[in-house]
Protein backbone atom coordinates (compact mmCIF):
# COMPACT_ATOMS: atom_id res chain seq x y z
CA UNK A 1 -4.71 2.39 17.09
CA UNK A 2 -6.93 -0.16 15.08
CA UNK A 3 -6.30 2.94 12.49
CA UNK A 4 -2.94 2.87 12.91
CA UNK A 5 -2.15 -0.43 12.39
CA UNK A 6 -4.15 -0.35 9.30
CA UNK A 7 -2.61 2.47 7.90
CA UNK A 8 1.13 0.92 8.48
CA UNK A 9 -0.20 -2.30 7.34
CA UNK A 10 -1.02 -0.65 3.76
CA UNK A 11 2.36 0.70 3.83
CA UNK A 12 4.34 -2.34 4.42
CA UNK A 13 1.08 -2.89 1.35
CA UNK A 14 2.98 -0.42 -0.93
CA UNK A 15 6.59 -1.95 0.90
CA UNK A 16 6.40 -5.44 -0.88
CA UNK A 17 4.68 -4.21 -4.20
CA UNK A 18 8.07 -1.40 -4.18
CA UNK A 19 10.16 -5.31 -3.61
CA UNK A 20 8.89 -6.64 -6.28
CA UNK A 21 9.49 -4.00 -8.38
CA UNK A 22 13.24 -3.86 -7.40
CA UNK A 23 13.04 -7.36 -7.93
CA UNK A 24 12.35 -6.98 -11.71
CA UNK A 25 15.12 -4.49 -12.32
CA UNK A 26 17.31 -6.77 -10.34
CA UNK A 27 19.87 -10.27 -11.69
CA UNK A 28 21.06 -13.00 -9.72
CA UNK A 29 20.68 -13.68 -5.97
CA UNK A 30 19.53 -10.08 -5.32
CA UNK A 31 16.26 -10.85 -6.70
CA UNK A 32 16.27 -13.36 -4.34
CA UNK A 33 16.66 -11.29 -1.56
CA UNK A 34 14.05 -9.07 -2.79
CA UNK A 35 11.51 -11.77 -3.85
CA UNK A 36 12.15 -12.63 0.22
CA UNK A 37 11.79 -8.60 1.62
CA UNK A 38 8.60 -9.09 -0.91
CA UNK A 39 7.38 -12.21 1.48
CA UNK A 40 8.11 -10.31 4.32
CA UNK A 41 6.16 -7.93 3.89
CA UNK A 42 3.39 -9.16 2.56
CA UNK A 43 2.93 -11.05 5.96
CA UNK A 44 3.58 -8.60 7.81
CA UNK A 45 0.78 -6.11 5.86
CA UNK A 46 -1.91 -8.74 6.10
CA UNK A 47 -1.21 -9.50 10.45
CA UNK A 48 -2.06 -5.80 10.43
CA UNK A 49 -4.86 -6.38 7.97
CA UNK A 50 -6.12 -8.81 9.66
CA UNK A 51 -5.17 -7.43 13.73
CA UNK A 52 -7.00 -4.14 12.69
CA UNK A 53 -10.24 -5.50 11.55
CA UNK A 54 -10.81 -7.17 15.12
CA UNK A 55 -12.15 -3.76 16.03
CA UNK A 56 -13.21 -1.39 12.78
CA UNK A 57 -15.82 -3.02 9.99
CA UNK A 58 -13.72 -4.64 7.18
CA UNK A 59 -15.27 -3.08 4.89
CA UNK A 60 -14.02 0.51 5.23
CA UNK A 61 -11.25 -1.41 6.19
CA UNK A 62 -10.06 -3.08 3.40
CA UNK A 63 -10.81 -0.07 1.08
CA UNK A 64 -8.61 1.87 3.12
CA UNK A 65 -5.92 -0.31 2.78
CA UNK A 66 -5.75 -1.03 -0.13
CA UNK A 67 -6.19 2.70 -0.97
CA UNK A 68 -2.84 3.43 0.89
CA UNK A 69 -1.07 0.31 -1.28
CA UNK A 70 -2.89 1.55 -4.26
CA UNK A 71 -2.04 5.82 -3.77
CA UNK A 72 1.95 4.97 -2.23
CA UNK A 73 2.94 2.60 -4.91
CA UNK A 74 1.52 5.17 -7.48
CA UNK A 75 3.48 7.31 -5.91
CA UNK A 76 6.32 5.52 -5.87
CA UNK A 77 6.43 4.34 -9.59
CA UNK A 78 6.39 8.00 -10.46
CA UNK A 79 8.81 9.00 -7.95
CA UNK A 80 11.43 5.72 -7.76
CA UNK A 81 10.59 3.58 -11.33
CA UNK A 82 9.77 7.13 -13.64
CA UNK A 83 6.00 5.68 -14.29
CA UNK A 84 4.14 9.05 -15.85
CA UNK A 85 2.63 11.50 -13.95
CA UNK A 86 0.07 13.24 -16.16
CA UNK A 87 -2.39 15.46 -14.63
CA UNK A 88 -4.82 13.32 -14.78
CA UNK A 89 -3.29 10.58 -12.78
CA UNK A 90 -2.27 12.84 -10.00
CA UNK A 91 -5.75 14.09 -10.31
CA UNK A 92 -7.24 10.43 -9.48
CA UNK A 93 -5.15 9.38 -7.34
CA UNK A 94 -5.27 12.83 -5.44
CA UNK A 95 -9.09 11.88 -5.70
CA UNK A 96 -8.68 8.54 -4.15
CA UNK A 97 -6.40 10.48 -0.95
CA UNK A 98 -9.56 12.33 -0.64
CA UNK A 99 -12.09 9.27 -0.16
CA UNK A 100 -10.01 7.48 1.55
CA UNK A 101 -10.08 10.15 4.38
CA UNK A 102 -13.55 10.00 3.85
CA UNK A 103 -14.23 6.34 4.72
CA UNK A 104 -12.37 7.56 7.95
CA UNK A 105 -14.34 10.42 8.96
CA UNK A 106 -17.31 8.20 8.21
CA UNK A 107 -16.78 5.35 10.07
CA UNK A 108 -17.80 4.09 13.27
């Protein structure tokens, strides 16, 4: 169950990065809505991380949480914000995904 909470926390990390990206591209009061969504996603992400670390090793949990956030945000950048999708960028994202899976596999 705590692994599920950790994955959800990582996805909320992607959500708060998305909100920052959208806030950068909007003007006026819409910007404040995106910043409010950022704060809500940030709070949820942190709360889920805290809950997950009550039973999972902190080093593993934090690495997986940030890894999910990093991969998700990079993919979101490619798919939504037109970031470059070079071979090496994709290659290293795949190796990061492999590392996240490996940490889950060897953790107790």
